[in-house]
C-alpha atoms as a PDB file:
ATOM      1  CA  UNK A   1      18.526  12.318   6.278  1.00  0.00           C
ATOM      2  CA  UNK A   2      18.099   9.687   3.550  1.00  0.00           C
ATOM      3  CA  UNK A   3      19.498   6.283   4.519  1.00  0.00           C
ATOM      4  CA  UNK A   4      21.351   4.259   1.887  1.00  0.00           C
ATOM      5  CA  UNK A   5      21.126   0.526   2.603  1.00  0.00           C
ATOM      6  CA  UNK A   6      23.857  -2.030   1.989  1.00  0.00           C
ATOM      7  CA  UNK A   7      23.065  -5.068  -0.166  1.00  0.00           C
ATOM      8  CA  UNK A   8      22.958  -7.154   3.026  1.00  0.00           C
ATOM      9  CA  UNK A   9      20.430  -4.803   4.633  1.00  0.00           C
ATOM     10  CA  UNK A  10      18.279  -4.851   1.512  1.00  0.00           C
ATOM     11  CA  UNK A  11      18.154  -8.657   1.644  1.00  0.00           C
ATOM     12  CA  UNK A  12      16.986  -8.495   5.270  1.00  0.00           C
ATOM     13  CA  UNK A  13      14.377  -5.966   4.229  1.00  0.00           C
ATOM     14  CA  UNK A  14      13.301  -8.227   1.366  1.00  0.00           C
ATOM     15  CA  UNK A  15      12.488 -10.916   3.923  1.00  0.00           C
ATOM     16  CA  UNK A  16      10.284  -8.481   5.861  1.00  0.00           C
ATOM     17  CA  UNK A  17       8.617  -7.258   2.679  1.00  0.00           C
ATOM     18  CA  UNK A  18       7.888 -10.751   1.374  1.00  0.00           C
ATOM     19  CA  UNK A  19       6.326 -11.654   4.712  1.00  0.00           C
ATOM     20  CA  UNK A  20       3.897  -8.761   4.207  1.00  0.00           C
ATOM     21  CA  UNK A  21       2.898 -10.262   0.852  1.00  0.00           C
ATOM     22  CA  UNK A  22       2.361 -13.668   2.435  1.00  0.00           C
ATOM     23  CA  UNK A  23       0.316 -12.091   5.239  1.00  0.00           C
ATOM     24  CA  UNK A  24      -1.930 -10.287   2.757  1.00  0.00           C
ATOM     25  CA  UNK A  25      -2.382 -13.578   0.886  1.00  0.00           C
ATOM     26  CA  UNK A  26      -3.455 -15.241   4.141  1.00  0.00           C
ATOM     27  CA  UNK A  27      -5.972 -12.435   4.693  1.00  0.00           C
ATOM     28  CA  UNK A  28      -7.226 -12.826   1.115  1.00  0.00           C
ATOM     29  CA  UNK A  29      -8.304 -16.420   1.860  1.00  0.00           C
ATOM     30  CA  UNK A  30     -10.874 -15.082   4.333  1.00  0.00           C
ATOM     31  CA  UNK A  31     -12.126 -12.008   2.471  1.00  0.00           C
ATOM     32  CA  UNK A  32     -15.773 -12.719   1.760  1.00  0.00           C
ATOM     33  CA  UNK A  33     -19.188 -11.242   2.527  1.00  0.00           C
ATOM     34  CA  UNK A  34     -20.159 -11.570   6.185  1.00  0.00           C
ATOM     35  CA  UNK A  35     -16.730 -11.414   7.824  1.00  0.00           C
ATOM     36  CA  UNK A  36     -15.890  -8.774  10.418  1.00  0.00           C
ATOM     37  CA  UNK A  37     -12.744  -6.774   9.677  1.00  0.00           C
ATOM     38  CA  UNK A  38     -11.431  -7.398  13.218  1.00  0.00           C
ATOM     39  CA  UNK A  39     -11.308 -11.126  12.389  1.00  0.00           C
ATOM     40  CA  UNK A  40      -9.026 -10.379   9.435  1.00  0.00           C
ATOM     41  CA  UNK A  41      -6.818  -8.348  11.737  1.00  0.00           C
ATOM     42  CA  UNK A  42      -6.448 -11.236  14.195  1.00  0.00           C
ATOM     43  CA  UNK A  43      -5.587 -13.622  11.361  1.00  0.00           C
ATOM     44  CA  UNK A  44      -2.848 -11.264  10.174  1.00  0.00           C
ATOM     45  CA  UNK A  45      -1.354 -10.708  13.624  1.00  0.00           C
ATOM     46  CA  UNK A  46      -1.203 -14.433  14.358  1.00  0.00           C
ATOM     47  CA  UNK A  47       0.373 -15.137  10.970  1.00  0.00           C
ATOM     48  CA  UNK A  48       3.045 -12.453  11.424  1.00  0.00           C
ATOM     49  CA  UNK A  49       3.950 -13.586  14.949  1.00  0.00           C
ATOM     50  CA  UNK A  50       4.056 -17.243  13.826  1.00  0.00           C
ATOM     51  CA  UNK A  51       6.751 -16.146  11.368  1.00  0.00           C
ATOM     52  CA  UNK A  52       8.833 -14.620  14.169  1.00  0.00           C
ATOM     53  CA  UNK A  53       8.048 -11.032  13.242  1.00  0.00           C
ATOM     54  CA  UNK A  54       6.200  -8.128  14.841  1.00  0.00           C
ATOM     55  CA  UNK A  55       3.181  -6.294  13.389  1.00  0.00           C
ATOM     56  CA  UNK A  56       4.678  -3.032  12.145  1.00  0.00           C
ATOM     57  CA  UNK A  57       1.567  -0.884  12.553  1.00  0.00           C
ATOM     58  CA  UNK A  58       0.287  -2.018  15.948  1.00  0.00           C
ATOM     59  CA  UNK A  59       1.089   0.709  18.457  1.00  0.00           C
ATOM     60  CA  UNK A  60       2.695   2.919  15.791  1.00  0.00           C
ATOM     61  CA  UNK A  61       1.784   6.482  16.849  1.00  0.00           C
ATOM     62  CA  UNK A  62      -0.985   4.825  18.846  1.00  0.00           C
ATOM     63  CA  UNK A  63      -2.601   2.874  15.995  1.00  0.00           C
ATOM     64  CA  UNK A  64      -4.535   0.027  17.665  1.00  0.00           C
ATOM     65  CA  UNK A  65      -4.350  -2.773  15.079  1.00  0.00           C
ATOM     66  CA  UNK A  66      -2.110  -4.923  12.887  1.00  0.00           C
ATOM     67  CA  UNK A  67      -3.807  -3.954   9.607  1.00  0.00           C
ATOM     68  CA  UNK A  68      -5.232  -0.788   8.166  1.00  0.00           C
ATOM     69  CA  UNK A  69      -8.496  -1.970   6.578  1.00  0.00           C
ATOM     70  CA  UNK A  70     -10.216   0.706   4.505  1.00  0.00           C
ATOM     71  CA  UNK A  71     -13.562  -0.094   2.858  1.00  0.00           C
ATOM     72  CA  UNK A  72     -15.078   1.660  -0.181  1.00  0.00           C
ATOM     73  CA  UNK A  73     -14.784   5.439   0.361  1.00  0.00           C
ATOM     74  CA  UNK A  74     -12.226   4.955   3.134  1.00  0.00           C
ATOM     75  CA  UNK A  75      -8.872   5.817   1.556  1.00  0.00           C
ATOM     76  CA  UNK A  76      -6.392   4.575   4.186  1.00  0.00           C
ATOM     77  CA  UNK A  77      -5.866   4.042   7.928  1.00  0.00           C
ATOM     78  CA  UNK A  78      -9.194   2.328   8.559  1.00  0.00           C
ATOM     79  CA  UNK A  79      -9.341   0.658  11.970  1.00  0.00           C
ATOM     80  CA  UNK A  80     -10.512  -2.986  11.979  1.00  0.00           C
ATOM     81  CA  UNK A  81     -13.637  -3.544  14.041  1.00  0.00           C
ATOM     82  CA  UNK A  82     -17.119  -5.055  14.066  1.00  0.00           C
ATOM     83  CA  UNK A  83     -17.977  -3.720  10.609  1.00  0.00           C
ATOM     84  CA  UNK A  84     -18.981  -6.549   8.288  1.00  0.00           C
ATOM     85  CA  UNK A  85     -17.871  -6.815   4.671  1.00  0.00           C
ATOM     86  CA  UNK A  86     -20.637  -7.166   2.119  1.00  0.00           C
ATOM     87  CA  UNK A  87     -21.018  -8.089  -1.527  1.00  0.00           C
ATOM     88  CA  UNK A  88     -19.803  -5.293  -3.793  1.00  0.00           C
ATOM     89  CA  UNK A  89     -17.307  -3.776  -1.329  1.00  0.00           C
ATOM     90  CA  UNK A  90     -13.709  -2.936  -2.139  1.00  0.00           C
ATOM     91  CA  UNK A  91     -11.203  -3.260   0.686  1.00  0.00           C
ATOM     92  CA  UNK A  92      -7.731  -1.745   0.912  1.00  0.00           C
ATOM     93  CA  UNK A  93      -5.606  -3.843   3.281  1.00  0.00           C
ATOM     94  CA  UNK A  94      -2.324  -2.187   4.288  1.00  0.00           C
ATOM     95  CA  UNK A  95       0.189  -4.194   6.313  1.00  0.00           C
ATOM     96  CA  UNK A  96       3.621  -3.643   7.786  1.00  0.00           C
ATOM     97  CA  UNK A  97       5.964  -6.014   9.588  1.00  0.00           C
ATOM     98  CA  UNK A  98       9.175  -5.594  11.558  1.00  0.00           C
ATOM     99  CA  UNK A  99      11.606  -8.489  11.293  1.00  0.00           C
ATOM    100  CA  UNK A 100      15.323  -8.569  12.109  1.00  0.00           C
ATOM    101  CA  UNK A 101      15.304  -4.816  12.648  1.00  0.00           C
ATOM    102  CA  UNK A 102      13.830  -3.777   9.282  1.00  0.00           C
ATOM    103  CA  UNK A 103      10.308  -2.939   8.134  1.00  0.00           C
ATOM    104  CA  UNK A 104       8.352  -4.144   5.133  1.00  0.00           C
ATOM    105  CA  UNK A 105       5.233  -2.284   3.964  1.00  0.00           C
ATOM    106  CA  UNK A 106       2.706  -3.158   1.264  1.00  0.00           C
ATOM    107  CA  UNK A 107      -0.980  -2.740   0.444  1.00  0.00           C
ATOM    108  CA  UNK A 108      -3.528  -4.302  -1.892  1.00  0.00           C
ATOM    109  CA  UNK A 109      -7.129  -3.387  -2.671  1.00  0.00           C
ATOM    110  CA  UNK A 110      -9.424  -6.400  -2.851  1.00  0.00           C
ATOM    111  CA  UNK A 111     -12.917  -6.926  -4.200  1.00  0.00           C
ATOM    112  CA  UNK A 112     -15.634  -8.629  -2.175  1.00  0.00           C
ATOM    113  CA  UNK A 113     -18.148 -10.549  -4.262  1.00  0.00           C
ATOM    114  CA  UNK A 114     -19.362  -8.763  -7.404  1.00  0.00           C
ATOM    115  CA  UNK A 115     -18.076  -5.208  -7.860  1.00  0.00           C
ATOM    116  CA  UNK A 116     -19.318  -2.755 -10.506  1.00  0.00           C
ATOM    117  CA  UNK A 117     -17.187  -2.172 -13.606  1.00  0.00           C
ATOM    118  CA  UNK A 118     -16.440   1.498 -12.881  1.00  0.00           C
ATOM    119  CA  UNK A 119     -14.878   0.542  -9.551  1.00  0.00           C
ATOM    120  CA  UNK A 120     -13.035  -2.440 -11.024  1.00  0.00           C
ATOM    121  CA  UNK A 121     -11.420  -0.102 -13.552  1.00  0.00           C
ATOM    122  CA  UNK A 122     -10.361   2.210 -10.719  1.00  0.00           C
ATOM    123  CA  UNK A 123      -8.569  -0.702  -9.040  1.00  0.00           C
ATOM    124  CA  UNK A 124      -6.943  -1.897 -12.254  1.00  0.00           C
ATOM    125  CA  UNK A 125      -5.698   1.581 -13.164  1.00  0.00           C
ATOM    126  CA  UNK A 126      -4.475   2.367  -9.658  1.00  0.00           C
ATOM    127  CA  UNK A 127      -2.398  -0.811  -9.655  1.00  0.00           C
ATOM    128  CA  UNK A 128      -1.090   0.034 -13.127  1.00  0.00           C
ATOM    129  CA  UNK A 129      -0.088   3.490 -11.880  1.00  0.00           C
ATOM    130  CA  UNK A 130       1.975   1.854  -9.133  1.00  0.00           C
ATOM    131  CA  UNK A 131       4.019  -0.056 -11.708  1.00  0.00           C
ATOM    132  CA  UNK A 132       4.386   3.037 -13.903  1.00  0.00           C
ATOM    133  CA  UNK A 133       5.801   4.796 -10.847  1.00  0.00           C
ATOM    134  CA  UNK A 134       8.132   1.881 -10.165  1.00  0.00           C
ATOM    135  CA  UNK A 135       9.483   2.122 -13.741  1.00  0.00           C
ATOM    136  CA  UNK A 136      10.789   5.584 -12.815  1.00  0.00           C
ATOM    137  CA  UNK A 137      12.338   4.420  -9.529  1.00  0.00           C
ATOM    138  CA  UNK A 138      15.896   4.028 -10.774  1.00  0.00           C
ATOM    139  CA  UNK A 139      19.225   5.571  -9.856  1.00  0.00           C
ATOM    140  CA  UNK A 140      19.700   9.031 -11.341  1.00  0.00           C
ATOM    141  CA  UNK A 141      16.003   9.898 -11.626  1.00  0.00           C
ATOM    142  CA  UNK A 142      14.177  12.069  -9.104  1.00  0.00           C
ATOM    143  CA  UNK A 143      11.194  11.518  -6.828  1.00  0.00           C
ATOM    144  CA  UNK A 144       9.129  13.816  -9.054  1.00  0.00           C
ATOM    145  CA  UNK A 145       9.549  11.400 -11.948  1.00  0.00           C
ATOM    146  CA  UNK A 146       7.732   8.730  -9.918  1.00  0.00           C
ATOM    147  CA  UNK A 147       5.097  11.229  -8.793  1.00  0.00           C
ATOM    148  CA  UNK A 148       4.441  12.540 -12.286  1.00  0.00           C
ATOM    149  CA  UNK A 149       4.119   9.058 -13.802  1.00  0.00           C
ATOM    150  CA  UNK A 150       1.357   8.198 -11.310  1.00  0.00           C
ATOM    151  CA  UNK A 151      -0.448  11.532 -11.595  1.00  0.00           C
ATOM    152  CA  UNK A 152      -0.381  11.872 -15.376  1.00  0.00           C
ATOM    153  CA  UNK A 153      -1.681   8.321 -15.892  1.00  0.00           C
ATOM    154  CA  UNK A 154      -4.522   8.408 -13.355  1.00  0.00           C
ATOM    155  CA  UNK A 155      -5.759  11.950 -13.950  1.00  0.00           C
ATOM    156  CA  UNK A 156      -6.430  11.215 -17.625  1.00  0.00           C
ATOM    157  CA  UNK A 157      -9.362   9.096 -16.402  1.00  0.00           C
ATOM    158  CA  UNK A 158     -10.751  11.943 -14.302  1.00  0.00           C
ATOM    159  CA  UNK A 159      -9.616  10.371 -11.017  1.00  0.00           C
ATOM    160  CA  UNK A 160      -8.567  12.341  -7.961  1.00  0.00           C
ATOM    161  CA  UNK A 161      -4.988  11.859  -6.737  1.00  0.00           C
ATOM    162  CA  UNK A 162      -4.755  12.179  -2.946  1.00  0.00           C
ATOM    163  CA  UNK A 163      -2.127  14.786  -2.036  1.00  0.00           C
ATOM    164  CA  UNK A 164      -2.083  14.857   1.755  1.00  0.00           C
ATOM    165  CA  UNK A 165      -0.776  11.272   2.073  1.00  0.00           C
ATOM    166  CA  UNK A 166       2.380  10.048   0.368  1.00  0.00           C
ATOM    167  CA  UNK A 167       4.800   7.180  -0.083  1.00  0.00           C
ATOM    168  CA  UNK A 168       8.007   7.214   1.923  1.00  0.00           C
ATOM    169  CA  UNK A 169      11.396   5.749   2.657  1.00  0.00           C
ATOM    170  CA  UNK A 170      11.383   2.475   4.601  1.00  0.00           C
ATOM    171  CA  UNK A 171      14.119   0.898   6.708  1.00  0.00           C
ATOM    172  CA  UNK A 172      14.815   0.569  10.410  1.00  0.00           C
ATOM    173  CA  UNK A 173      11.928   2.984  10.787  1.00  0.00           C
ATOM    174  CA  UNK A 174       8.544   2.549   9.108  1.00  0.00           C
ATOM    175  CA  UNK A 175       8.604   6.067   7.704  1.00  0.00           C
ATOM    176  CA  UNK A 176      11.915   7.539   6.569  1.00  0.00           C
ATOM    177  CA  UNK A 177      12.942  10.234   4.126  1.00  0.00           C
ATOM    178  CA  UNK A 178      12.223  10.902   1.332  1.00  0.00           C
ATOM    179  CA  UNK A 179       8.498  11.469   1.010  1.00  0.00           C
ATOM    180  CA  UNK A 180       7.170  10.120  -2.309  1.00  0.00           C
ATOM    181  CA  UNK A 181       4.051  12.033  -3.401  1.00  0.00           C
ATOM    182  CA  UNK A 182       1.692  10.643  -6.031  1.00  0.00           C
ATOM    183  CA  UNK A 183       1.622  13.980  -7.845  1.00  0.00           C
ATOM    184  CA  UNK A 184       4.395  16.292  -9.017  1.00  0.00           C
ATOM    185  CA  UNK A 185       6.678  17.482 -11.785  1.00  0.00           C
ATOM    186  CA  UNK A 186       9.230  15.449 -13.695  1.00  0.00           C
ATOM    187  CA  UNK A 187      12.786  16.183 -12.651  1.00  0.00           C
ATOM    188  CA  UNK A 188      11.788  17.620  -9.262  1.00  0.00           C
ATOM    189  CA  UNK A 189      12.438  16.442  -5.727  1.00  0.00           C
ATOM    190  CA  UNK A 190      15.280  14.439  -4.176  1.00  0.00           C
ATOM    191  CA  UNK A 191      17.583  12.491  -6.460  1.00  0.00           C
ATOM    192  CA  UNK A 192      17.181   8.716  -6.396  1.00  0.00           C
ATOM    193  CA  UNK A 193      20.375   6.882  -5.415  1.00  0.00           C
ATOM    194  CA  UNK A 194      21.168   3.186  -5.593  1.00  0.00           C
ATOM    195  CA  UNK A 195      20.530   1.609  -2.182  1.00  0.00           C
ATOM    196  CA  UNK A 196      17.597   3.820  -1.216  1.00  0.00           C
ATOM    197  CA  UNK A 197      14.517   1.832  -0.170  1.00  0.00           C
ATOM    198  CA  UNK A 198      11.116   3.439  -0.650  1.00  0.00           C
ATOM    199  CA  UNK A 199       7.438   2.561  -0.542  1.00  0.00           C
ATOM    200  CA  UNK A 200       5.391   3.796  -3.494  1.00  0.00           C
ATOM    201  CA  UNK A 201       1.671   3.819  -2.743  1.00  0.00           C
ATOM    202  CA  UNK A 202      -0.818   5.506  -5.071  1.00  0.00           C
ATOM    203  CA  UNK A 203      -4.100   6.437  -3.354  1.00  0.00           C
ATOM    204  CA  UNK A 204      -6.524   7.213  -6.160  1.00  0.00           C
ATOM    205  CA  UNK A 205     -10.140   8.323  -5.799  1.00  0.00           C
ATOM    206  CA  UNK A 206     -12.971   7.695  -8.253  1.00  0.00           C
ATOM    207  CA  UNK A 207     -14.120  11.292  -7.743  1.00  0.00           C
ATOM    208  CA  UNK A 208     -12.555  14.285  -6.024  1.00  0.00           C
ATOM    209  CA  UNK A 209      -8.991  14.214  -4.678  1.00  0.00           C
ATOM    210  CA  UNK A 210     -10.192  15.877  -1.482  1.00  0.00           C
ATOM    211  CA  UNK A 211     -10.349  13.879   1.745  1.00  0.00           C
ATOM    212  CA  UNK A 212     -11.629  14.170   5.316  1.00  0.00           C
ATOM    213  CA  UNK A 213     -10.538  12.551   8.574  1.00  0.00           C
ATOM    214  CA  UNK A 214     -13.092  10.587  10.576  1.00  0.00           C
ATOM    215  CA  UNK A 215     -13.836  11.191  14.259  1.00  0.00           C
ATOM    216  CA  UNK A 216     -11.691   8.169  15.232  1.00  0.00           C
ATOM    217  CA  UNK A 217      -8.633  10.271  14.409  1.00  0.00           C
ATOM    218  CA  UNK A 218      -7.320   7.760  11.878  1.00  0.00           C
ATOM    219  CA  UNK A 219      -9.690   6.817   9.066  1.00  0.00           C
ATOM    220  CA  UNK A 220      -9.308   8.954   5.938  1.00  0.00           C
ATOM    221  CA  UNK A 221     -12.360   9.173   3.634  1.00  0.00           C
ATOM    222  CA  UNK A 222     -13.070  10.746   0.268  1.00  0.00           C
ATOM    223  CA  UNK A 223     -14.946  14.036   0.634  1.00  0.00           C
ATOM    224  CA  UNK A 224     -17.562  12.994  -1.937  1.00  0.00           C
ATOM    225  CA  UNK A 225     -17.846   9.458  -0.472  1.00  0.00           C
ATOM    226  CA  UNK A 226     -16.914   7.835  -3.778  1.00  0.00           C
ATOM    227  CA  UNK A 227     -14.605   4.768  -3.713  1.00  0.00           C
ATOM    228  CA  UNK A 228     -10.832   4.955  -3.366  1.00  0.00           C
ATOM    229  CA  UNK A 229      -8.141   2.421  -4.317  1.00  0.00           C
ATOM    230  CA  UNK A 230      -4.693   1.891  -2.795  1.00  0.00           C
ATOM    231  CA  UNK A 231      -1.768  -0.318  -3.851  1.00  0.00           C
ATOM    232  CA  UNK A 232       1.740  -0.277  -2.388  1.00  0.00           C
ATOM    233  CA  UNK A 233       5.118  -1.927  -2.923  1.00  0.00           C
ATOM    234  CA  UNK A 234       8.402  -1.559  -1.044  1.00  0.00           C
ATOM    235  CA  UNK A 235      11.358  -1.439  -3.441  1.00  0.00           C
ATOM    236  CA  UNK A 236      15.066  -0.738  -3.613  1.00  0.00           C
ATOM    237  CA  UNK A 237      16.489   1.818  -6.019  1.00  0.00           C
ATOM    238  CA  UNK A 238      19.010   0.227  -8.370  1.00  0.00           C
ATOM    239  CA  UNK A 239      20.785   1.130 -11.591  1.00  0.00           C
ATOM    240  CA  UNK A 240      18.569   0.518 -14.605  1.00  0.00           C
ATOM    241  CA  UNK A 241      15.582  -1.119 -12.912  1.00  0.00           C
ATOM    242  CA  UNK A 242      13.944  -1.004  -9.484  1.00  0.00           C
ATOM    243  CA  UNK A 243      14.182  -4.099  -7.271  1.00  0.00           C
ATOM    244  CA  UNK A 244      10.686  -4.776  -5.895  1.00  0.00           C
ATOM    245  CA  UNK A 245      11.118  -6.268  -2.419  1.00  0.00           C
ATOM    246  CA  UNK A 246       7.455  -6.966  -1.641  1.00  0.00           C
ATOM    247  CA  UNK A 247       5.237  -9.198  -3.775  1.00  0.00           C
ATOM    248  CA  UNK A 248       1.627  -9.559  -4.934  1.00  0.00           C
ATOM    249  CA  UNK A 249       2.358 -13.055  -6.283  1.00  0.00           C
ATOM    250  CA  UNK A 250       0.891 -15.034  -3.366  1.00  0.00           C
ATOM    251  CA  UNK A 251      -2.106 -12.712  -3.105  1.00  0.00           C
ATOM    252  CA  UNK A 252      -3.004 -13.111  -6.747  1.00  0.00           C
ATOM    253  CA  UNK A 253      -2.500 -16.879  -6.617  1.00  0.00           C
ATOM    254  CA  UNK A 254      -5.050 -17.055  -3.789  1.00  0.00           C
ATOM    255  CA  UNK A 255      -7.474 -14.817  -5.678  1.00  0.00           C
ATOM    256  CA  UNK A 256      -7.103 -16.949  -8.796  1.00  0.00           C
ATOM    257  CA  UNK A 257      -7.863 -20.138  -6.842  1.00  0.00           C
ATOM    258  CA  UNK A 258     -10.898 -18.544  -5.182  1.00  0.00           C
ATOM    259  CA  UNK A 259     -12.302 -17.513  -8.564  1.00  0.00           C
ATOM    260  CA  UNK A 260     -11.909 -20.940 -10.176  1.00  0.00           C
END
């Protein structure tokens, strides 16, 4: 069952999605060598609750934290803990919030200190693939058009596109239909209709596409232990052009200020 949202519901969902962007920007202020990932998680939870919302991930299917924090070869679903970030790390931070009955969901992969050029290119191209997917997210197209745009762009660089984990519908539940894979054929899959709200989230590996699950039951890692990047937006399907509900604007403003 694919849920079509009214314009009013989409505006409520925009508020949730923008709060995710602001939360990730707050986390970005503290991302530096020497910080424990659990500290970032506490910062995010406090920020979300101060804005009269609920952490969307905490307790979801038993997940113990507000953020998924995945470092280097961790693809997604990393559990915050005592692990300390160090110079040269990349960190995917995935966040969801529930506000006024609707979820927002977004992710951004950050650099810590000085990161090598090969990994920086992986991040840049993964983010670009997200926007190429979003260009296809319009009424009348199909899910496979999004999937193919991401896959065809990233695989030309020899990257591995994770297949076991996918984007998804978002609404009153964190995960709704349809699933939105990051690989596939043009013109395949469910038809995109105006009013659908989906999360597109390329998970792209520097090496193999193959992954393993860690003993904690959550953390997903690359099989060859090479780095992985992850970017995600929540957006509404519209006629002509997708309406991105989440935002990287505050995140990138913080990063710009930190680099000045």
